[in-house]
């Protein structure tokens, strides 16, 4: 199956955020289980949307794993690297984020905002993505999955963090 040109890093971040939120809400579930079930679920949704649910898939499609049917391997790897990176470093990320949450504890933030911040802090510090791209993507994710005010909250924290990193 050919990957759509729009299935790029933005989709990877959306998928990663959804898995990170799932892990935040279900802290005792193994990350590998989350990854496996997420890809399977996304494939089921895609089939339902295409109206192919219950139809016999072609031979090539049968040979592919659900994640291979959704995105190019590089996008899948990027998605899974984000998820594993964030979930493997939650305590460290939270410790980095907390000083920027003036008069507000990270635990009181909404699950979407908390997970978007974790994702952005991880990508900002552990990947080669330019900081303005990380901030823009994080703000868009917060707005899309939560509300416009969430975007402003996330932007404020990430902007302060970026300025501090730049001055060091």
Protein backbone atom coordinates (compact mmCIF):
# COMPACT_ATOMS: atom_id res chain seq x y z
CA UNK A 1 0.00 0.00 0.00
CA UNK A 2 1.35 3.40 -0.95
CA UNK A 3 1.66 5.92 1.85
CA UNK A 4 -0.26 9.14 1.42
CA UNK A 5 1.96 12.22 1.08
CA UNK A 6 0.13 13.76 4.03
CA UNK A 7 1.14 10.89 6.30
CA UNK A 8 4.23 12.57 7.61
CA UNK A 9 5.67 13.66 10.93
CA UNK A 10 2.50 15.55 11.86
CA UNK A 11 0.56 12.28 11.74
CA UNK A 12 3.37 10.61 13.65
CA UNK A 13 3.09 13.21 16.41
CA UNK A 14 -0.69 12.85 16.52
CA UNK A 15 -0.35 9.07 16.79
CA UNK A 16 2.40 9.37 19.39
CA UNK A 17 0.31 11.76 21.48
CA UNK A 18 -2.65 9.40 21.40
CA UNK A 19 -0.48 6.53 22.63
CA UNK A 20 1.15 8.69 25.32
CA UNK A 21 -2.29 9.77 26.57
CA UNK A 22 -3.38 6.15 26.62
CA UNK A 23 -0.33 5.27 28.72
CA UNK A 24 -0.98 8.24 31.03
CA UNK A 25 -4.53 7.03 31.63
CA UNK A 26 -3.47 3.37 31.92
CA UNK A 27 -0.07 3.52 33.66
CA UNK A 28 0.21 -0.23 34.20
CA UNK A 29 -0.11 -1.19 30.53
CA UNK A 30 3.11 -2.18 28.78
CA UNK A 31 4.32 0.21 26.05
CA UNK A 32 4.71 -2.63 23.54
CA UNK A 33 1.09 -3.61 24.13
CA UNK A 34 0.00 0.00 23.58
CA UNK A 35 1.95 0.18 20.31
CA UNK A 36 0.61 -3.13 19.01
CA UNK A 37 -3.03 -2.39 19.83
CA UNK A 38 -2.83 1.18 18.59
CA UNK A 39 -1.61 0.19 15.11
CA UNK A 40 -4.24 -2.55 14.89
CA UNK A 41 -6.98 -0.15 15.96
CA UNK A 42 -5.90 2.51 13.47
CA UNK A 43 -5.98 -0.05 10.66
CA UNK A 44 -9.51 -1.09 11.69
CA UNK A 45 -10.64 2.55 11.64
CA UNK A 46 -9.10 3.05 8.22
CA UNK A 47 -10.91 -0.03 6.89
CA UNK A 48 -14.21 1.14 8.35
CA UNK A 49 -13.77 4.61 6.84
CA UNK A 50 -12.99 3.08 3.45
CA UNK A 51 -16.01 0.80 3.67
CA UNK A 52 -13.88 -2.32 3.30
CA UNK A 53 -14.72 -3.83 6.67
CA UNK A 54 -15.43 -7.50 6.18
CA UNK A 55 -14.21 -7.60 2.58
CA UNK A 56 -11.45 -9.97 1.60
CA UNK A 57 -8.15 -8.01 1.51
CA UNK A 58 -5.73 -8.60 -1.32
CA UNK A 59 -2.77 -10.94 -0.88
CA UNK A 60 -0.20 -8.17 -0.42
CA UNK A 61 -2.29 -6.46 2.26
CA UNK A 62 -2.54 -9.78 4.11
CA UNK A 63 1.26 -9.91 4.35
CA UNK A 64 1.55 -6.50 5.96
CA UNK A 65 1.32 -5.79 9.68
CA UNK A 66 -1.24 -3.11 10.61
CA UNK A 67 1.41 -0.41 11.14
CA UNK A 68 2.94 -1.18 7.72
CA UNK A 69 -0.41 -0.45 6.10
CA UNK A 70 -0.68 3.04 7.60
CA UNK A 71 2.62 4.81 7.11
CA UNK A 72 6.11 4.56 5.72
CA UNK A 73 8.63 2.74 7.94
CA UNK A 74 10.45 6.02 8.69
CA UNK A 75 7.22 7.57 10.01
CA UNK A 76 6.43 4.49 12.09
CA UNK A 77 9.95 4.53 13.53
CA UNK A 78 9.65 8.22 14.36
CA UNK A 79 6.26 7.64 16.03
CA UNK A 80 7.51 4.73 18.10
CA UNK A 81 10.74 6.54 19.02
CA UNK A 82 8.66 9.42 20.39
CA UNK A 83 6.38 7.10 22.36
CA UNK A 84 9.19 4.98 23.80
CA UNK A 85 11.29 8.07 24.53
CA UNK A 86 8.53 9.90 26.37
CA UNK A 87 7.24 6.87 28.27
CA UNK A 88 10.76 5.82 29.21
CA UNK A 89 11.53 9.26 30.65
CA UNK A 90 8.26 10.48 32.18
CA UNK A 91 9.72 11.30 35.60
CA UNK A 92 12.67 13.20 34.13
CA UNK A 93 10.43 15.07 31.69
CA UNK A 94 7.99 15.99 34.44
CA UNK A 95 10.89 17.29 36.55
CA UNK A 96 12.01 19.47 33.62
CA UNK A 97 8.50 20.76 32.92
CA UNK A 98 7.42 21.47 36.52
CA UNK A 99 9.52 24.65 37.07
CA UNK A 100 7.75 26.26 34.10
CA UNK A 101 4.28 25.61 35.51
CA UNK A 102 4.19 28.73 37.68
CA UNK A 103 1.42 28.62 40.28
CA UNK A 104 0.14 25.40 38.72
CA UNK A 105 1.20 21.82 39.35
CA UNK A 106 1.72 19.58 36.34
CA UNK A 107 -0.66 17.04 37.89
CA UNK A 108 -3.45 19.65 37.77
CA UNK A 109 -2.93 20.25 34.06
CA UNK A 110 -5.22 18.37 31.72
CA UNK A 111 -4.01 15.03 30.44
CA UNK A 112 -3.69 16.36 26.88
CA UNK A 113 -1.64 19.38 27.93
CA UNK A 114 0.58 17.27 30.20
CA UNK A 115 1.22 14.71 27.46
CA UNK A 116 1.78 17.35 24.76
CA UNK A 117 4.37 19.02 27.01
CA UNK A 118 6.11 15.71 27.66
CA UNK A 119 6.18 14.98 23.95
CA UNK A 120 7.51 18.44 23.09
CA UNK A 121 10.15 18.49 25.83
CA UNK A 122 11.35 15.05 24.74
CA UNK A 123 11.51 16.00 21.06
CA UNK A 124 13.16 19.33 21.87
CA UNK A 125 15.93 17.75 23.94
CA UNK A 126 16.40 14.33 22.34
CA UNK A 127 15.82 14.76 18.61
CA UNK A 128 17.16 16.95 15.84
CA UNK A 129 13.86 18.74 15.24
CA UNK A 130 14.22 22.53 15.22
CA UNK A 131 12.75 24.11 18.36
CA UNK A 132 10.29 26.39 16.47
CA UNK A 133 8.89 23.32 14.69
CA UNK A 134 8.47 21.47 17.99
CA UNK A 135 6.66 24.43 19.55
CA UNK A 136 4.38 24.96 16.55
CA UNK A 137 3.48 21.27 16.37
CA UNK A 138 2.85 21.06 20.13
CA UNK A 139 0.58 24.11 20.09
CA UNK A 140 -1.36 22.68 17.14
CA UNK A 141 -1.72 19.31 18.92
CA UNK A 142 -2.97 20.96 22.09
CA UNK A 143 -5.52 23.02 20.17
CA UNK A 144 -6.67 20.06 18.08
CA UNK A 145 -6.98 17.51 20.88
CA UNK A 146 -8.10 19.93 23.62
CA UNK A 147 -8.99 23.60 23.01
CA UNK A 148 -7.49 26.97 21.98
CA UNK A 149 -6.62 27.88 25.57
CA UNK A 150 -4.56 24.70 25.80
CA UNK A 151 -2.52 25.90 22.86
CA UNK A 152 -1.75 29.16 24.66
CA UNK A 153 -0.80 27.30 27.87
CA UNK A 154 1.53 24.93 26.00
CA UNK A 155 3.03 27.77 23.97
CA UNK A 156 3.83 29.78 27.09
CA UNK A 157 5.65 26.93 28.78
CA UNK A 158 7.55 25.84 25.67
CA UNK A 159 8.51 29.41 24.79
CA UNK A 160 9.98 29.99 28.27
CA UNK A 161 11.81 26.67 28.06
CA UNK A 162 13.21 27.50 24.60
CA UNK A 163 14.41 30.94 25.76
CA UNK A 164 16.13 29.40 28.78
CA UNK A 165 17.82 26.75 26.62
CA UNK A 166 19.01 29.42 24.22
CA UNK A 167 20.55 31.49 27.02
CA UNK A 168 22.49 28.55 28.45
